[in-house]
């Protein structure tokens, strides 16, 4: 049987991330996991609705203009920088 951590690797879309980053499944670590996200400063700044266009949360958000933003995989993630 596959354990949950191995299964989770197949449930989220790593490619559903801003350019230069990949999505990593959010896991409980006993503190605010957002501190581990490599785009936290962009999220806090939220210039040009950055957070809406680069969703990390599993739920849909509808703006007052009627635009819906979501993650295609429906999972909560943090974004990690792609390193070479």
N, C-alpha and C. Protein backbone atom coordinates (compact mmCIF):
# COMPACT_ATOMS: atom_id res chain seq x y z
N UNK A 1 0.83 -1.19 0.00
CA UNK A 1 0.00 0.00 0.00
C UNK A 1 0.87 1.25 0.00
N UNK A 2 0.44 2.26 -0.72
CA UNK A 2 1.19 3.51 -0.80
C UNK A 2 0.92 4.35 0.44
N UNK A 3 1.98 4.86 1.07
CA UNK A 3 1.72 5.70 2.25
C UNK A 3 1.29 7.10 1.79
N UNK A 4 0.60 7.87 2.65
CA UNK A 4 0.03 9.15 2.26
C UNK A 4 1.02 10.14 1.68
N UNK A 5 2.26 10.17 2.18
CA UNK A 5 3.21 11.14 1.64
C UNK A 5 3.58 10.80 0.21
N UNK A 6 3.71 9.54 -0.12
CA UNK A 6 3.99 9.16 -1.51
C UNK A 6 2.78 9.48 -2.39
N UNK A 7 1.59 9.21 -1.90
CA UNK A 7 0.38 9.47 -2.65
C UNK A 7 0.21 10.97 -2.92
N UNK A 8 0.49 11.81 -1.92
CA UNK A 8 0.36 13.25 -2.07
C UNK A 8 1.21 13.79 -3.21
N UNK A 9 2.33 13.16 -3.49
CA UNK A 9 3.20 13.62 -4.57
C UNK A 9 2.48 13.58 -5.92
N UNK A 10 1.48 12.73 -6.04
CA UNK A 10 0.76 12.60 -7.30
C UNK A 10 -0.53 13.40 -7.33
N UNK A 11 -0.91 14.02 -6.22
CA UNK A 11 -2.18 14.72 -6.15
C UNK A 11 -2.08 16.21 -6.46
N UNK A 12 -0.89 16.80 -6.38
CA UNK A 12 -0.77 18.22 -6.71
C UNK A 12 0.08 18.39 -7.97
N UNK A 13 -0.17 19.49 -8.65
CA UNK A 13 0.51 19.78 -9.92
C UNK A 13 1.70 20.70 -9.65
N UNK A 14 2.90 20.16 -9.68
CA UNK A 14 4.11 20.95 -9.44
C UNK A 14 4.27 22.08 -10.45
N UNK A 15 3.70 21.91 -11.65
CA UNK A 15 3.85 22.90 -12.71
C UNK A 15 2.89 24.09 -12.54
N UNK A 16 1.87 23.96 -11.70
CA UNK A 16 0.93 25.05 -11.45
C UNK A 16 1.58 26.00 -10.46
N UNK A 17 2.55 26.77 -10.96
CA UNK A 17 3.37 27.65 -10.13
C UNK A 17 3.85 28.83 -10.97
N UNK A 18 4.26 29.91 -10.33
CA UNK A 18 4.81 31.04 -11.08
C UNK A 18 6.11 30.63 -11.79
N UNK A 19 6.48 31.33 -12.86
CA UNK A 19 7.73 31.01 -13.56
C UNK A 19 8.92 31.04 -12.61
N UNK A 20 9.77 30.02 -12.69
CA UNK A 20 10.96 29.93 -11.85
C UNK A 20 10.73 29.22 -10.53
N UNK A 21 9.50 28.72 -10.32
CA UNK A 21 9.15 28.06 -9.07
C UNK A 21 8.40 26.77 -9.36
N UNK A 22 8.31 25.90 -8.37
CA UNK A 22 7.47 24.71 -8.45
C UNK A 22 6.61 24.66 -7.20
N UNK A 23 5.51 23.96 -7.28
CA UNK A 23 4.58 23.84 -6.16
C UNK A 23 4.94 22.62 -5.33
N UNK A 24 4.94 22.80 -4.02
CA UNK A 24 5.21 21.72 -3.08
C UNK A 24 4.02 21.63 -2.13
N UNK A 25 3.54 20.43 -1.88
CA UNK A 25 2.37 20.22 -1.02
C UNK A 25 2.58 20.86 0.35
N UNK A 26 1.57 21.58 0.85
CA UNK A 26 1.63 22.13 2.21
C UNK A 26 1.42 20.99 3.19
N UNK A 27 2.25 20.95 4.21
CA UNK A 27 2.11 19.97 5.28
C UNK A 27 2.18 20.70 6.62
N UNK A 28 1.51 20.17 7.61
CA UNK A 28 1.51 20.79 8.93
C UNK A 28 2.88 20.59 9.58
N UNK A 29 3.45 21.70 10.06
CA UNK A 29 4.76 21.62 10.71
C UNK A 29 4.74 22.29 12.09
N UNK A 30 3.56 22.67 12.57
CA UNK A 30 3.47 23.28 13.89
C UNK A 30 3.68 24.78 13.90
N UNK A 31 3.84 25.39 12.73
CA UNK A 31 3.99 26.83 12.62
C UNK A 31 3.38 27.26 11.29
N UNK A 32 3.35 28.54 11.03
CA UNK A 32 2.79 29.06 9.78
C UNK A 32 3.67 28.62 8.61
N UNK A 33 3.21 27.63 7.85
CA UNK A 33 3.98 27.05 6.75
C UNK A 33 4.30 28.08 5.66
N UNK A 34 3.53 29.15 5.60
CA UNK A 34 3.79 30.19 4.59
C UNK A 34 5.19 30.78 4.75
N UNK A 35 5.76 30.69 5.94
CA UNK A 35 7.13 31.19 6.15
C UNK A 35 8.15 30.40 5.33
N UNK A 36 7.80 29.17 4.92
CA UNK A 36 8.71 28.34 4.12
C UNK A 36 8.57 28.59 2.62
N UNK A 37 7.63 29.42 2.23
CA UNK A 37 7.37 29.69 0.82
C UNK A 37 8.38 30.69 0.27
N UNK A 38 8.97 30.39 -0.87
CA UNK A 38 9.99 31.26 -1.47
C UNK A 38 9.43 32.51 -2.14
N UNK A 39 8.12 32.62 -2.25
CA UNK A 39 7.52 33.82 -2.85
C UNK A 39 6.74 34.64 -1.82
N UNK A 40 6.98 34.40 -0.57
CA UNK A 40 6.23 35.07 0.50
C UNK A 40 6.22 36.59 0.35
N UNK A 41 7.35 37.20 0.01
CA UNK A 41 7.40 38.66 -0.14
C UNK A 41 6.50 39.13 -1.28
N UNK A 42 6.45 38.40 -2.39
CA UNK A 42 5.56 38.76 -3.50
C UNK A 42 4.11 38.64 -3.07
N UNK A 43 3.82 37.64 -2.27
CA UNK A 43 2.46 37.44 -1.78
C UNK A 43 2.05 38.58 -0.86
N UNK A 44 2.91 38.95 0.05
CA UNK A 44 2.61 40.03 0.99
C UNK A 44 2.41 41.34 0.23
N UNK A 45 3.28 41.60 -0.75
CA UNK A 45 3.17 42.82 -1.56
C UNK A 45 1.89 42.80 -2.41
N UNK A 46 1.58 41.65 -3.00
CA UNK A 46 0.38 41.42 -3.81
C UNK A 46 0.18 42.46 -4.92
N UNK A 47 1.27 42.84 -5.56
CA UNK A 47 1.20 43.80 -6.67
C UNK A 47 0.43 43.18 -7.84
N UNK A 48 -0.50 43.92 -8.40
CA UNK A 48 -1.31 43.48 -9.54
C UNK A 48 -2.04 42.16 -9.28
N UNK A 49 -2.55 42.00 -8.06
CA UNK A 49 -3.28 40.78 -7.68
C UNK A 49 -2.43 39.52 -7.82
N UNK A 50 -1.17 39.61 -7.46
CA UNK A 50 -0.24 38.50 -7.61
C UNK A 50 -0.79 37.23 -6.95
N UNK A 51 -1.32 37.38 -5.74
CA UNK A 51 -1.82 36.20 -5.01
C UNK A 51 -2.98 35.53 -5.70
N UNK A 52 -3.82 36.30 -6.33
CA UNK A 52 -4.96 35.70 -7.04
C UNK A 52 -4.48 34.93 -8.27
N UNK A 53 -3.53 35.50 -8.98
CA UNK A 53 -3.06 34.88 -10.22
C UNK A 53 -2.14 33.70 -9.98
N UNK A 54 -1.60 33.60 -8.78
CA UNK A 54 -0.66 32.52 -8.42
C UNK A 54 -1.16 31.85 -7.14
N UNK A 55 -2.29 31.18 -7.24
CA UNK A 55 -2.96 30.61 -6.08
C UNK A 55 -2.14 29.51 -5.41
N UNK A 56 -2.09 29.58 -4.09
CA UNK A 56 -1.45 28.52 -3.33
C UNK A 56 -2.47 27.78 -2.46
N UNK A 57 -3.64 28.38 -2.27
CA UNK A 57 -4.66 27.78 -1.42
C UNK A 57 -5.58 26.88 -2.25
N UNK A 58 -6.18 25.92 -1.59
CA UNK A 58 -6.97 24.90 -2.28
C UNK A 58 -8.35 25.39 -2.71
N UNK A 59 -8.83 26.46 -2.14
CA UNK A 59 -10.20 26.90 -2.44
C UNK A 59 -10.23 28.00 -3.50
N UNK A 60 -11.38 28.10 -4.19
CA UNK A 60 -11.58 29.13 -5.21
C UNK A 60 -11.84 30.48 -4.55
N UNK A 61 -11.43 31.55 -5.23
CA UNK A 61 -11.71 32.91 -4.79
C UNK A 61 -12.37 33.64 -5.95
N UNK A 62 -13.47 34.33 -5.67
CA UNK A 62 -14.16 35.12 -6.68
C UNK A 62 -14.02 36.58 -6.27
N UNK A 63 -13.48 37.40 -7.19
CA UNK A 63 -13.28 38.81 -6.90
C UNK A 63 -14.58 39.58 -7.09
N UNK A 64 -14.59 40.82 -6.64
CA UNK A 64 -15.78 41.67 -6.79
C UNK A 64 -16.08 41.92 -8.26
N UNK A 65 -15.08 41.77 -9.13
CA UNK A 65 -15.30 41.91 -10.58
C UNK A 65 -15.86 40.65 -11.21
N UNK A 66 -15.95 39.58 -10.43
CA UNK A 66 -16.50 38.33 -10.94
C UNK A 66 -15.47 37.35 -11.47
N UNK A 67 -14.17 37.67 -11.35
CA UNK A 67 -13.12 36.76 -11.80
C UNK A 67 -12.92 35.66 -10.75
N UNK A 68 -12.78 34.42 -11.21
CA UNK A 68 -12.54 33.30 -10.31
C UNK A 68 -11.09 32.85 -10.46
N UNK A 69 -10.42 32.69 -9.33
CA UNK A 69 -9.04 32.22 -9.31
C UNK A 69 -8.99 30.95 -8.46
N UNK A 70 -8.22 29.96 -8.95
CA UNK A 70 -8.10 28.70 -8.22
C UNK A 70 -6.88 27.94 -8.67
N UNK A 71 -6.56 26.90 -7.93
CA UNK A 71 -5.54 25.95 -8.36
C UNK A 71 -6.27 24.85 -9.10
N UNK A 72 -5.76 24.45 -10.23
CA UNK A 72 -6.40 23.40 -11.03
C UNK A 72 -6.46 22.07 -10.28
N UNK A 73 -5.46 21.82 -9.42
CA UNK A 73 -5.41 20.54 -8.70
C UNK A 73 -6.19 20.56 -7.38
N UNK A 74 -6.65 21.74 -6.95
CA UNK A 74 -7.43 21.84 -5.73
C UNK A 74 -6.65 21.56 -4.45
N UNK A 75 -5.34 21.67 -4.49
CA UNK A 75 -4.48 21.38 -3.34
C UNK A 75 -3.86 22.67 -2.80
N UNK A 76 -3.50 22.67 -1.52
CA UNK A 76 -2.77 23.78 -0.91
C UNK A 76 -1.28 23.51 -1.03
N UNK A 77 -0.54 24.51 -1.50
CA UNK A 77 0.88 24.33 -1.76
C UNK A 77 1.67 25.55 -1.29
N UNK A 78 2.99 25.39 -1.23
CA UNK A 78 3.90 26.52 -1.14
C UNK A 78 4.74 26.48 -2.40
N UNK A 79 5.32 27.60 -2.76
CA UNK A 79 6.15 27.67 -3.95
C UNK A 79 7.62 27.69 -3.56
N UNK A 80 8.38 26.85 -4.23
CA UNK A 80 9.81 26.76 -3.99
C UNK A 80 10.56 27.12 -5.26
N UNK A 81 11.66 27.86 -5.10
CA UNK A 81 12.47 28.30 -6.24
C UNK A 81 13.15 27.10 -6.92
N UNK A 82 13.12 27.09 -8.23
CA UNK A 82 13.82 26.06 -9.00
C UNK A 82 15.30 26.43 -9.01
N UNK A 83 16.13 25.53 -8.55
CA UNK A 83 17.57 25.77 -8.54
C UNK A 83 18.24 24.85 -9.54
N UNK A 84 19.32 25.32 -10.13
CA UNK A 84 20.03 24.50 -11.13
C UNK A 84 21.22 23.84 -10.53
